[in-house]
Amino acid sequence: RKGTKVEGLFKQVEDTNQDTDWESDDSGDEDEDDEDGGADVA
């Protein structure tokens, strides 16, 4: 199992920490989209 990731297979029921490994892969793109879209809305 070396190198096998379990992120995303299970998540804490009440997890308030959003800075997790499985969210970091595409969070940058989402942030950029949010910034552009957020600016338009603002």
PDB file of all heavy atoms in Angstrom:
ATOM      1  N   ARG A   1       0.817  -1.219   0.000  1.00  0.00           N
ATOM      2  CA  ARG A   1       0.000   0.000   0.000  1.00  0.00           C
ATOM      3  C   ARG A   1       0.842   1.256   0.000  1.00  0.00           C
ATOM      4  O   ARG A   1       0.302   2.357   0.006  1.00  0.00           O
ATOM      5  CB  ARG A   1      -0.909   0.031   1.218  1.00  0.00           C
ATOM      6  CG  ARG A   1      -0.236   0.503   2.494  1.00  0.00           C
ATOM      7  CD  ARG A   1      -1.173   0.491   3.666  1.00  0.00           C
ATOM      8  NE  ARG A   1      -0.488   0.982   4.866  1.00  0.00           N
ATOM      9  CZ  ARG A   1      -0.527   2.237   5.279  1.00  0.00           C
ATOM     10  NH1 ARG A   1      -1.196   3.128   4.593  1.00  0.00           N
ATOM     11  NH2 ARG A   1       0.103   2.610   6.377  1.00  0.00           N
ATOM     12  N   LYS A   2       2.151   1.147  -0.010  1.00  0.00           N
ATOM     13  CA  LYS A   2       3.003   2.328  -0.031  1.00  0.00           C
ATOM     14  C   LYS A   2       2.666   3.185  -1.245  1.00  0.00           C
ATOM     15  O   LYS A   2       2.652   2.706  -2.377  1.00  0.00           O
ATOM     16  CB  LYS A   2       4.486   1.922  -0.081  1.00  0.00           C
ATOM     17  CG  LYS A   2       4.951   1.131   1.130  1.00  0.00           C
ATOM     18  CD  LYS A   2       4.785   1.935   2.421  1.00  0.00           C
ATOM     19  CE  LYS A   2       5.318   1.167   3.617  1.00  0.00           C
ATOM     20  NZ  LYS A   2       5.139   1.921   4.871  1.00  0.00           N
ATOM     21  N   GLY A   3       2.404   4.443  -0.997  1.00  0.00           N
ATOM     22  CA  GLY A   3       2.068   5.355  -2.080  1.00  0.00           C
ATOM     23  C   GLY A   3       0.582   5.424  -2.355  1.00  0.00           C
ATOM     24  O   GLY A   3       0.125   6.264  -3.107  1.00  0.00           O
ATOM     25  N   THR A   4      -0.187   4.531  -1.735  1.00  0.00           N
ATOM     26  CA  THR A   4      -1.629   4.550  -1.927  1.00  0.00           C
ATOM     27  C   THR A   4      -2.258   5.576  -0.995  1.00  0.00           C
ATOM     28  O   THR A   4      -2.014   5.560   0.208  1.00  0.00           O
ATOM     29  CB  THR A   4      -2.235   3.161  -1.648  1.00  0.00           C
ATOM     30  OG1 THR A   4      -1.622   2.219  -2.527  1.00  0.00           O
ATOM     31  CG2 THR A   4      -3.737   3.176  -1.868  1.00  0.00           C
ATOM     32  N   LYS A   5      -3.040   6.479  -1.544  1.00  0.00           N
ATOM     33  CA  LYS A   5      -3.666   7.522  -0.749  1.00  0.00           C
ATOM     34  C   LYS A   5      -5.078   7.111  -0.355  1.00  0.00           C
ATOM     35  O   LYS A   5      -5.788   6.486  -1.124  1.00  0.00           O
ATOM     36  CB  LYS A   5      -3.712   8.846  -1.528  1.00  0.00           C
ATOM     37  CG  LYS A   5      -2.334   9.425  -1.841  1.00  0.00           C
ATOM     38  CD  LYS A   5      -2.472  10.763  -2.545  1.00  0.00           C
ATOM     39  CE  LYS A   5      -1.096  11.372  -2.813  1.00  0.00           C
ATOM     40  NZ  LYS A   5      -1.203  12.682  -3.498  1.00  0.00           N
ATOM     41  N   VAL A   6      -5.437   7.469   0.847  1.00  0.00           N
ATOM     42  CA  VAL A   6      -6.795   7.173   1.304  1.00  0.00           C
ATOM     43  C   VAL A   6      -7.625   8.442   1.393  1.00  0.00           C
ATOM     44  O   VAL A   6      -8.789   8.400   1.753  1.00  0.00           O
ATOM     45  CB  VAL A   6      -6.770   6.487   2.693  1.00  0.00           C
ATOM     46  CG1 VAL A   6      -6.032   5.178   2.626  1.00  0.00           C
ATOM     47  CG2 VAL A   6      -6.135   7.400   3.725  1.00  0.00           C
ATOM     48  N   GLU A   7      -7.026   9.573   1.070  1.00  0.00           N
ATOM     49  CA  GLU A   7      -7.779  10.814   1.122  1.00  0.00           C
ATOM     50  C   GLU A   7      -8.991  10.741   0.207  1.00  0.00           C
ATOM     51  O   GLU A   7      -8.899  10.283  -0.920  1.00  0.00           O
ATOM     52  CB  GLU A   7      -6.916  12.009   0.711  1.00  0.00           C
ATOM     53  CG  GLU A   7      -5.845  12.392   1.722  1.00  0.00           C
ATOM     54  CD  GLU A   7      -4.579  11.585   1.567  1.00  0.00           C
ATOM     55  OE1 GLU A   7      -4.614  10.577   0.840  1.00  0.00           O
ATOM     56  OE2 GLU A   7      -3.565  11.961   2.179  1.00  0.00           O
ATOM     57  N   GLY A   8     -10.105  11.171   0.701  1.00  0.00           N
ATOM     58  CA  GLY A   8     -11.314  11.176  -0.099  1.00  0.00           C
ATOM     59  C   GLY A   8     -12.158   9.928   0.088  1.00  0.00           C
ATOM     60  O   GLY A   8     -13.326   9.916  -0.243  1.00  0.00           O
ATOM     61  N   LEU A   9     -11.545   8.862   0.645  1.00  0.00           N
ATOM     62  CA  LEU A   9     -12.318   7.651   0.869  1.00  0.00           C
ATOM     63  C   LEU A   9     -13.173   7.772   2.115  1.00  0.00           C
ATOM     64  O   LEU A   9     -14.184   7.109   2.253  1.00  0.00           O
ATOM     65  CB  LEU A   9     -11.371   6.446   1.016  1.00  0.00           C
ATOM     66  CG  LEU A   9     -10.521   6.094  -0.209  1.00  0.00           C
ATOM     67  CD1 LEU A   9      -9.635   4.901   0.106  1.00  0.00           C
ATOM     68  CD2 LEU A   9     -11.409   5.782  -1.402  1.00  0.00           C
ATOM     69  N   PHE A  10     -12.749   8.623   3.003  1.00  0.00           N
ATOM     70  CA  PHE A  10     -13.469   8.777   4.262  1.00  0.00           C
ATOM     71  C   PHE A  10     -13.247  10.181   4.770  1.00  0.00           C
ATOM     72  O   PHE A  10     -12.180  10.753   4.583  1.00  0.00           O
ATOM     73  CB  PHE A  10     -12.954   7.761   5.288  1.00  0.00           C
ATOM     74  CG  PHE A  10     -13.746   7.749   6.560  1.00  0.00           C
ATOM     75  CD1 PHE A  10     -14.871   6.967   6.664  1.00  0.00           C
ATOM     76  CD2 PHE A  10     -13.367   8.520   7.629  1.00  0.00           C
ATOM     77  CE1 PHE A  10     -15.613   6.964   7.824  1.00  0.00           C
ATOM     78  CE2 PHE A  10     -14.103   8.525   8.800  1.00  0.00           C
ATOM     79  CZ  PHE A  10     -15.226   7.735   8.894  1.00  0.00           C
ATOM     80  N   LYS A  11     -14.222  10.744   5.392  1.00  0.00           N
ATOM     81  CA  LYS A  11     -14.101  12.111   5.893  1.00  0.00           C
ATOM     82  C   LYS A  11     -14.756  12.207   7.257  1.00  0.00           C
ATOM     83  O   LYS A  11     -15.779  11.586   7.501  1.00  0.00           O
ATOM     84  CB  LYS A  11     -14.749  13.106   4.926  1.00  0.00           C
ATOM     85  CG  LYS A  11     -14.477  14.563   5.296  1.00  0.00           C
ATOM     86  CD  LYS A  11     -14.986  15.497   4.211  1.00  0.00           C
ATOM     87  CE  LYS A  11     -14.659  16.941   4.536  1.00  0.00           C
ATOM     88  NZ  LYS A  11     -15.115  17.861   3.475  1.00  0.00           N
ATOM     89  N   GLN A  12     -14.160  12.978   8.124  1.00  0.00           N
ATOM     90  CA  GLN A  12     -14.709  13.177   9.453  1.00  0.00           C
ATOM     91  C   GLN A  12     -16.097  13.793   9.356  1.00  0.00           C
ATOM     92  O   GLN A  12     -16.358  14.634   8.515  1.00  0.00           O
ATOM     93  CB  GLN A  12     -13.781  14.092  10.254  1.00  0.00           C
ATOM     94  CG  GLN A  12     -14.143  14.176  11.727  1.00  0.00           C
ATOM     95  CD  GLN A  12     -13.210  15.111  12.473  1.00  0.00           C
ATOM     96  OE1 GLN A  12     -12.727  16.066  11.890  1.00  0.00           O
ATOM     97  NE2 GLN A  12     -12.967  14.839  13.732  1.00  0.00           N
ATOM     98  N   VAL A  13     -16.976  13.350  10.210  1.00  0.00           N
ATOM     99  CA  VAL A  13     -18.363  13.792  10.144  1.00  0.00           C
ATOM    100  C   VAL A  13     -18.468  15.297  10.344  1.00  0.00           C
ATOM    101  O   VAL A  13     -19.103  15.998   9.578  1.00  0.00           O
ATOM    102  CB  VAL A  13     -19.189  13.058  11.226  1.00  0.00           C
ATOM    103  CG1 VAL A  13     -20.621  13.576  11.214  1.00  0.00           C
ATOM    104  CG2 VAL A  13     -19.182  11.573  10.948  1.00  0.00           C
ATOM    105  N   GLU A  14     -17.815  15.806  11.387  1.00  0.00           N
ATOM    106  CA  GLU A  14     -17.870  17.235  11.662  1.00  0.00           C
ATOM    107  C   GLU A  14     -16.479  17.797  11.498  1.00  0.00           C
ATOM    108  O   GLU A  14     -15.778  18.064  12.464  1.00  0.00           O
ATOM    109  CB  GLU A  14     -18.390  17.484  13.084  1.00  0.00           C
ATOM    110  CG  GLU A  14     -19.819  17.004  13.283  1.00  0.00           C
ATOM    111  CD  GLU A  14     -20.293  17.239  14.692  1.00  0.00           C
ATOM    112  OE1 GLU A  14     -19.481  17.715  15.505  1.00  0.00           O
ATOM    113  OE2 GLU A  14     -21.457  16.958  14.978  1.00  0.00           O
ATOM    114  N   ASP A  15     -16.082  17.986  10.255  1.00  0.00           N
ATOM    115  CA  ASP A  15     -14.737  18.471   9.964  1.00  0.00           C
ATOM    116  C   ASP A  15     -14.805  19.942   9.622  1.00  0.00           C
ATOM    117  O   ASP A  15     -15.344  20.332   8.593  1.00  0.00           O
ATOM    118  CB  ASP A  15     -14.131  17.682   8.796  1.00  0.00           C
ATOM    119  CG  ASP A  15     -12.717  18.130   8.481  1.00  0.00           C
ATOM    120  OD1 ASP A  15     -12.072  18.760   9.333  1.00  0.00           O
ATOM    121  OD2 ASP A  15     -12.273  17.859   7.368  1.00  0.00           O
ATOM    122  N   THR A  16     -14.257  20.774  10.509  1.00  0.00           N
ATOM    123  CA  THR A  16     -14.266  22.207  10.255  1.00  0.00           C
ATOM    124  C   THR A  16     -13.002  22.675   9.581  1.00  0.00           C
ATOM    125  O   THR A  16     -12.906  23.827   9.177  1.00  0.00           O
ATOM    126  CB  THR A  16     -14.428  22.974  11.575  1.00  0.00           C
ATOM    127  OG1 THR A  16     -13.355  22.607  12.468  1.00  0.00           O
ATOM    128  CG2 THR A  16     -15.764  22.640  12.231  1.00  0.00           C
ATOM    129  N   ASN A  17     -12.021  21.790   9.443  1.00  0.00           N
ATOM    130  CA  ASN A  17     -10.759  22.156   8.797  1.00  0.00           C
ATOM    131  C   ASN A  17     -10.871  21.897   7.307  1.00  0.00           C
ATOM    132  O   ASN A  17     -10.885  20.763   6.872  1.00  0.00           O
ATOM    133  CB  ASN A  17      -9.611  21.357   9.406  1.00  0.00           C
ATOM    134  CG  ASN A  17      -8.276  21.732   8.795  1.00  0.00           C
ATOM    135  OD1 ASN A  17      -8.182  22.731   8.082  1.00  0.00           O
ATOM    136  ND2 ASN A  17      -7.256  20.932   9.058  1.00  0.00           N
ATOM    137  N   GLN A  18     -10.966  22.929   6.531  1.00  0.00           N
ATOM    138  CA  GLN A  18     -11.152  22.778   5.094  1.00  0.00           C
ATOM    139  C   GLN A  18      -9.841  22.664   4.342  1.00  0.00           C
ATOM    140  O   GLN A  18      -9.835  22.435   3.141  1.00  0.00           O
ATOM    141  CB  GLN A  18     -11.943  23.973   4.536  1.00  0.00           C
ATOM    142  CG  GLN A  18     -13.333  24.100   5.141  1.00  0.00           C
ATOM    143  CD  GLN A  18     -14.199  22.898   4.868  1.00  0.00           C
ATOM    144  OE1 GLN A  18     -14.152  22.341   3.766  1.00  0.00           O
ATOM    145  NE2 GLN A  18     -14.981  22.458   5.829  1.00  0.00           N
ATOM    146  N   ASP A  19      -8.730  22.847   5.034  1.00  0.00           N
ATOM    147  CA  ASP A  19      -7.423  22.789   4.379  1.00  0.00           C
ATOM    148  C   ASP A  19      -6.939  21.352   4.359  1.00  0.00           C
ATOM    149  O   ASP A  19      -6.076  20.951   5.124  1.00  0.00           O
ATOM    150  CB  ASP A  19      -6.415  23.671   5.120  1.00  0.00           C
ATOM    151  CG  ASP A  19      -5.095  23.763   4.365  1.00  0.00           C
ATOM    152  OD1 ASP A  19      -5.072  23.379   3.184  1.00  0.00           O
ATOM    153  OD2 ASP A  19      -4.105  24.204   4.967  1.00  0.00           O
ATOM    154  N   THR A  20      -7.554  20.541   3.519  1.00  0.00           N
ATOM    155  CA  THR A  20      -7.236  19.129   3.466  1.00  0.00           C
ATOM    156  C   THR A  20      -6.568  18.772   2.154  1.00  0.00           C
ATOM    157  O   THR A  20      -6.695  19.473   1.161  1.00  0.00           O
ATOM    158  CB  THR A  20      -8.530  18.293   3.604  1.00  0.00           C
ATOM    159  OG1 THR A  20      -9.494  18.795   2.672  1.00  0.00           O
ATOM    160  CG2 THR A  20      -9.092  18.415   5.012  1.00  0.00           C
ATOM    161  N   ASP A  21      -5.889  17.624   2.169  1.00  0.00           N
ATOM    162  CA  ASP A  21      -5.095  17.238   1.011  1.00  0.00           C
ATOM    163  C   ASP A  21      -5.946  17.021  -0.228  1.00  0.00           C
ATOM    164  O   ASP A  21      -5.573  17.378  -1.329  1.00  0.00           O
ATOM    165  CB  ASP A  21      -4.314  15.943   1.318  1.00  0.00           C
ATOM    166  CG  ASP A  21      -3.267  16.191   2.393  1.00  0.00           C
ATOM    167  OD1 ASP A  21      -2.875  17.361   2.553  1.00  0.00           O
ATOM    168  OD2 ASP A  21      -2.850  15.231   3.058  1.00  0.00           O
ATOM    169  N   TRP A  22      -7.129  16.380  -0.012  1.00  0.00           N
ATOM    170  CA  TRP A  22      -7.909  16.041  -1.206  1.00  0.00           C
ATOM    171  C   TRP A  22      -8.578  17.257  -1.839  1.00  0.00           C
ATOM    172  O   TRP A  22      -9.132  17.177  -2.911  1.00  0.00           O
ATOM    173  CB  TRP A  22      -8.952  14.969  -0.880  1.00  0.00           C
ATOM    174  CG  TRP A  22     -10.046  15.409   0.025  1.00  0.00           C
ATOM    175  CD1 TRP A  22     -11.200  16.047  -0.306  1.00  0.00           C
ATOM    176  CD2 TRP A  22     -10.086  15.246   1.440  1.00  0.00           C
ATOM    177  NE1 TRP A  22     -11.949  16.287   0.808  1.00  0.00           N
ATOM    178  CE2 TRP A  22     -11.314  15.809   1.873  1.00  0.00           C
ATOM    179  CE3 TRP A  22      -9.232  14.669   2.369  1.00  0.00           C
ATOM    180  CZ2 TRP A  22     -11.675  15.799   3.212  1.00  0.00           C
ATOM    181  CZ3 TRP A  22      -9.613  14.668   3.689  1.00  0.00           C
ATOM    182  CH2 TRP A  22     -10.808  15.232   4.100  1.00  0.00           C
ATOM    183  N   GLU A  23      -8.543  18.404  -1.146  1.00  0.00           N
ATOM    184  CA  GLU A  23      -9.130  19.609  -1.721  1.00  0.00           C
ATOM    185  C   GLU A  23      -8.089  20.521  -2.347  1.00  0.00           C
ATOM    186  O   GLU A  23      -8.417  21.479  -3.010  1.00  0.00           O
ATOM    187  CB  GLU A  23      -9.867  20.390  -0.624  1.00  0.00           C
ATOM    188  CG  GLU A  23     -11.099  19.659  -0.106  1.00  0.00           C
ATOM    189  CD  GLU A  23     -11.729  20.418   1.039  1.00  0.00           C
ATOM    190  OE1 GLU A  23     -11.040  21.279   1.609  1.00  0.00           O
ATOM    191  OE2 GLU A  23     -12.887  20.164   1.350  1.00  0.00           O
ATOM    192  N   SER A  24      -6.805  20.200  -2.116  1.00  0.00           N
ATOM    193  CA  SER A  24      -5.756  21.116  -2.542  1.00  0.00           C
ATOM    194  C   SER A  24      -5.389  20.957  -4.013  1.00  0.00           C
ATOM    195  O   SER A  24      -4.772  21.827  -4.589  1.00  0.00           O
ATOM    196  CB  SER A  24      -4.500  20.892  -1.688  1.00  0.00           C
ATOM    197  OG  SER A  24      -4.026  19.572  -1.850  1.00  0.00           O
ATOM    198  N   ASP A  25      -5.768  19.838  -4.634  1.00  0.00           N
ATOM    199  CA  ASP A  25      -5.362  19.598  -6.010  1.00  0.00           C
ATOM    200  C   ASP A  25      -5.957  20.609  -6.973  1.00  0.00           C
ATOM    201  O   ASP A  25      -5.285  21.164  -7.823  1.00  0.00           O
ATOM    202  CB  ASP A  25      -5.770  18.173  -6.452  1.00  0.00           C
ATOM    203  CG  ASP A  25      -4.998  17.122  -5.671  1.00  0.00           C
ATOM    204  OD1 ASP A  25      -3.925  17.478  -5.134  1.00  0.00           O
ATOM    205  OD2 ASP A  25      -5.473  15.991  -5.582  1.00  0.00           O
ATOM    206  N   ASP A  26      -7.258  20.878  -6.844  1.00  0.00           N
ATOM    207  CA  ASP A  26      -7.896  21.778  -7.799  1.00  0.00           C
ATOM    208  C   ASP A  26      -8.447  23.023  -7.118  1.00  0.00           C
ATOM    209  O   ASP A  26      -9.250  23.732  -7.681  1.00  0.00           O
ATOM    210  CB  ASP A  26      -9.024  21.056  -8.555  1.00  0.00           C
ATOM    211  CG  ASP A  26     -10.016  20.408  -7.605  1.00  0.00           C
ATOM    212  OD1 ASP A  26      -9.846  20.567  -6.384  1.00  0.00           O
ATOM    213  OD2 ASP A  26     -10.939  19.749  -8.092  1.00  0.00           O
ATOM    214  N   SER A  27      -8.033  23.256  -5.877  1.00  0.00           N
ATOM    215  CA  SER A  27      -8.565  24.417  -5.176  1.00  0.00           C
ATOM    216  C   SER A  27      -8.094  25.714  -5.812  1.00  0.00           C
ATOM    217  O   SER A  27      -8.780  26.716  -5.786  1.00  0.00           O
ATOM    218  CB  SER A  27      -8.137  24.377  -3.702  1.00  0.00           C
ATOM    219  OG  SER A  27      -6.725  24.376  -3.600  1.00  0.00           O
ATOM    220  N   GLY A  28      -6.876  25.686  -6.409  1.00  0.00           N
ATOM    221  CA  GLY A  28      -6.354  26.901  -7.024  1.00  0.00           C
ATOM    222  C   GLY A  28      -7.216  27.362  -8.173  1.00  0.00           C
ATOM    223  O   GLY A  28      -7.540  28.546  -8.307  1.00  0.00           O
ATOM    224  N   ASP A  29      -7.622  26.413  -9.024  1.00  0.00           N
ATOM    225  CA  ASP A  29      -8.472  26.778 -10.157  1.00  0.00           C
ATOM    226  C   ASP A  29      -9.798  27.328  -9.678  1.00  0.00           C
ATOM    227  O   ASP A  29     -10.331  28.277 -10.220  1.00  0.00           O
ATOM    228  CB  ASP A  29      -8.701  25.549 -11.058  1.00  0.00           C
ATOM    229  CG  ASP A  29      -7.392  25.090 -11.689  1.00  0.00           C
ATOM    230  OD1 ASP A  29      -6.459  25.911 -11.772  1.00  0.00           O
ATOM    231  OD2 ASP A  29      -7.313  23.916 -12.078  1.00  0.00           O
ATOM    232  N   GLU A  30     -10.323  26.658  -8.609  1.00  0.00           N
ATOM    233  CA  GLU A  30     -11.612  27.106  -8.116  1.00  0.00           C
ATOM    234  C   GLU A  30     -11.496  28.505  -7.536  1.00  0.00           C
ATOM    235  O   GLU A  30     -12.382  29.333  -7.686  1.00  0.00           O
ATOM    236  CB  GLU A  30     -12.120  26.137  -7.048  1.00  0.00           C
ATOM    237  CG  GLU A  30     -12.458  24.759  -7.618  1.00  0.00           C
ATOM    238  CD  GLU A  30     -12.913  23.819  -6.521  1.00  0.00           C
ATOM    239  OE1 GLU A  30     -12.886  24.230  -5.343  1.00  0.00           O
ATOM    240  OE2 GLU A  30     -13.298  22.692  -6.832  1.00  0.00           O
ATOM    241  N   ASP A  31     -10.362  28.760  -6.843  1.00  0.00           N
ATOM    242  CA  ASP A  31     -10.188  30.084  -6.263  1.00  0.00           C
ATOM    243  C   ASP A  31     -10.128  31.149  -7.346  1.00  0.00           C
ATOM    244  O   ASP A  31     -10.674  32.235  -7.210  1.00  0.00           O
ATOM    245  CB  ASP A  31      -8.907  30.135  -5.426  1.00  0.00           C
ATOM    246  CG  ASP A  31      -9.029  29.287  -4.167  1.00  0.00           C
ATOM    247  OD1 ASP A  31     -10.186  28.980  -3.798  1.00  0.00           O
ATOM    248  OD2 ASP A  31      -7.998  28.938  -3.589  1.00  0.00           O
ATOM    249  N   GLU A  32      -9.427  30.828  -8.460  1.00  0.00           N
ATOM    250  CA  GLU A  32      -9.336  31.792  -9.543  1.00  0.00           C
ATOM    251  C   GLU A  32     -10.697  32.072 -10.143  1.00  0.00           C
ATOM    252  O   GLU A  32     -11.059  33.203 -10.419  1.00  0.00           O
ATOM    253  CB  GLU A  32      -8.387  31.269 -10.629  1.00  0.00           C
ATOM    254  CG  GLU A  32      -6.934  31.195 -10.166  1.00  0.00           C
ATOM    255  CD  GLU A  32      -6.022  30.593 -11.221  1.00  0.00           C
ATOM    256  OE1 GLU A  32      -6.534  30.279 -12.321  1.00  0.00           O
ATOM    257  OE2 GLU A  32      -4.838  30.434 -10.955  1.00  0.00           O
ATOM    258  N   ASP A  33     -11.467  30.976 -10.316  1.00  0.00           N
ATOM    259  CA  ASP A  33     -12.807  31.160 -10.862  1.00  0.00           C
ATOM    260  C   ASP A  33     -13.648  31.983  -9.910  1.00  0.00           C
ATOM    261  O   ASP A  33     -14.417  32.847 -10.316  1.00  0.00           O
ATOM    262  CB  ASP A  33     -13.470  29.788 -11.100  1.00  0.00           C
ATOM    263  CG  ASP A  33     -12.733  29.024 -12.194  1.00  0.00           C
ATOM    264  OD1 ASP A  33     -12.005  29.662 -12.966  1.00  0.00           O
ATOM    265  OD2 ASP A  33     -12.902  27.800 -12.263  1.00  0.00           O
ATOM    266  N   ASP A  34     -13.483  31.666  -8.590  1.00  0.00           N
ATOM    267  CA  ASP A  34     -14.289  32.384  -7.618  1.00  0.00           C
ATOM    268  C   ASP A  34     -13.932  33.855  -7.598  1.00  0.00           C
ATOM    269  O   ASP A  34     -14.778  34.716  -7.431  1.00  0.00           O
ATOM    270  CB  ASP A  34     -14.089  31.782  -6.220  1.00  0.00           C
ATOM    271  CG  ASP A  34     -14.695  30.390  -6.131  1.00  0.00           C
ATOM    272  OD1 ASP A  34     -15.509  30.080  -7.009  1.00  0.00           O
ATOM    273  OD2 ASP A  34     -14.344  29.647  -5.201  1.00  0.00           O
ATOM    274  N   GLU A  35     -12.601  34.124  -7.755  1.00  0.00           N
ATOM    275  CA  GLU A  35     -12.194  35.519  -7.726  1.00  0.00           C
ATOM    276  C   GLU A  35     -12.774  36.292  -8.903  1.00  0.00           C
ATOM    277  O   GLU A  35     -13.276  37.390  -8.754  1.00  0.00           O
ATOM    278  CB  GLU A  35     -10.666  35.612  -7.766  1.00  0.00           C
ATOM    279  CG  GLU A  35     -10.010  35.139  -6.478  1.00  0.00           C
ATOM    280  CD  GLU A  35      -8.507  35.131  -6.588  1.00  0.00           C
ATOM    281  OE1 GLU A  35      -8.014  35.533  -7.661  1.00  0.00           O
ATOM    282  OE2 GLU A  35      -7.842  34.728  -5.624  1.00  0.00           O
ATOM    283  N   ASP A  36     -12.733  35.700 -10.096  1.00  0.00           N
ATOM    284  CA  ASP A  36     -13.296  36.369 -11.264  1.00  0.00           C
ATOM    285  C   ASP A  36     -14.800  36.531 -11.125  1.00  0.00           C
ATOM    286  O   ASP A  36     -15.364  37.594 -11.327  1.00  0.00           O
ATOM    287  CB  ASP A  36     -12.968  35.580 -12.540  1.00  0.00           C
ATOM    288  CG  ASP A  36     -11.459  35.550 -12.782  1.00  0.00           C
ATOM    289  OD1 ASP A  36     -10.765  36.427 -12.231  1.00  0.00           O
ATOM    290  OD2 ASP A  36     -11.001  34.656 -13.507  1.00  0.00           O
ATOM    291  N   GLY A  37     -15.440  35.380 -10.790  1.00  0.00           N
ATOM    292  CA  GLY A  37     -16.891  35.424 -10.693  1.00  0.00           C
ATOM    293  C   GLY A  37     -17.331  36.316  -9.554  1.00  0.00           C
ATOM    294  O   GLY A  37     -18.293  37.055  -9.642  1.00  0.00           O
ATOM    295  N   GLY A  38     -16.567  36.239  -8.420  1.00  0.00           N
ATOM    296  CA  GLY A  38     -16.926  37.058  -7.275  1.00  0.00           C
ATOM    297  C   GLY A  38     -16.813  38.528  -7.594  1.00  0.00           C
ATOM    298  O   GLY A  38     -17.602  39.341  -7.137  1.00  0.00           O
ATOM    299  N   ALA A  39     -15.817  38.884  -8.387  1.00  0.00           N
ATOM    300  CA  ALA A  39     -15.639  40.292  -8.739  1.00  0.00           C
ATOM    301  C   ALA A  39     -16.814  40.785  -9.561  1.00  0.00           C
ATOM    302  O   ALA A  39     -17.299  41.899  -9.373  1.00  0.00           O
ATOM    303  CB  ALA A  39     -14.326  40.470  -9.508  1.00  0.00           C
ATOM    304  N   ASP A  40     -17.292  39.946 -10.484  1.00  0.00           N
ATOM    305  CA  ASP A  40     -18.430  40.347 -11.308  1.00  0.00           C
ATOM    306  C   ASP A  40     -19.658  40.575 -10.455  1.00  0.00           C
ATOM    307  O   ASP A  40     -20.378  41.549 -10.620  1.00  0.00           O
ATOM    308  CB  ASP A  40     -18.716  39.273 -12.364  1.00  0.00           C
ATOM    309  CG  ASP A  40     -17.593  39.179 -13.384  1.00  0.00           C
ATOM    310  OD1 ASP A  40     -16.830  40.184 -13.508  1.00  0.00           O
ATOM    311  OD2 ASP A  40     -17.484  38.134 -14.033  1.00  0.00           O
ATOM    312  N   VAL A  41     -19.879  39.664  -9.514  1.00  0.00           N
ATOM    313  CA  VAL A  41     -21.048  39.798  -8.664  1.00  0.00           C
ATOM    314  C   VAL A  41     -20.928  41.041  -7.802  1.00  0.00           C
ATOM    315  O   VAL A  41     -21.870  41.799  -7.618  1.00  0.00           O
ATOM    316  CB  VAL A  41     -21.211  38.550  -7.770  1.00  0.00           C
ATOM    317  CG1 VAL A  41     -22.337  38.754  -6.765  1.00  0.00           C
ATOM    318  CG2 VAL A  41     -21.475  37.327  -8.637  1.00  0.00           C
ATOM    319  N   ALA A  42     -19.723  41.265  -7.268  1.00  0.00           N
ATOM    320  CA  ALA A  42     -19.523  42.423  -6.401  1.00  0.00           C
ATOM    321  C   ALA A  42     -19.754  43.715  -7.161  1.00  0.00           C
ATOM    322  O   ALA A  42     -20.330  44.661  -6.631  1.00  0.00           O
ATOM    323  CB  ALA A  42     -18.108  42.394  -5.819  1.00  0.00           C
TER     324      ALA A  42
END
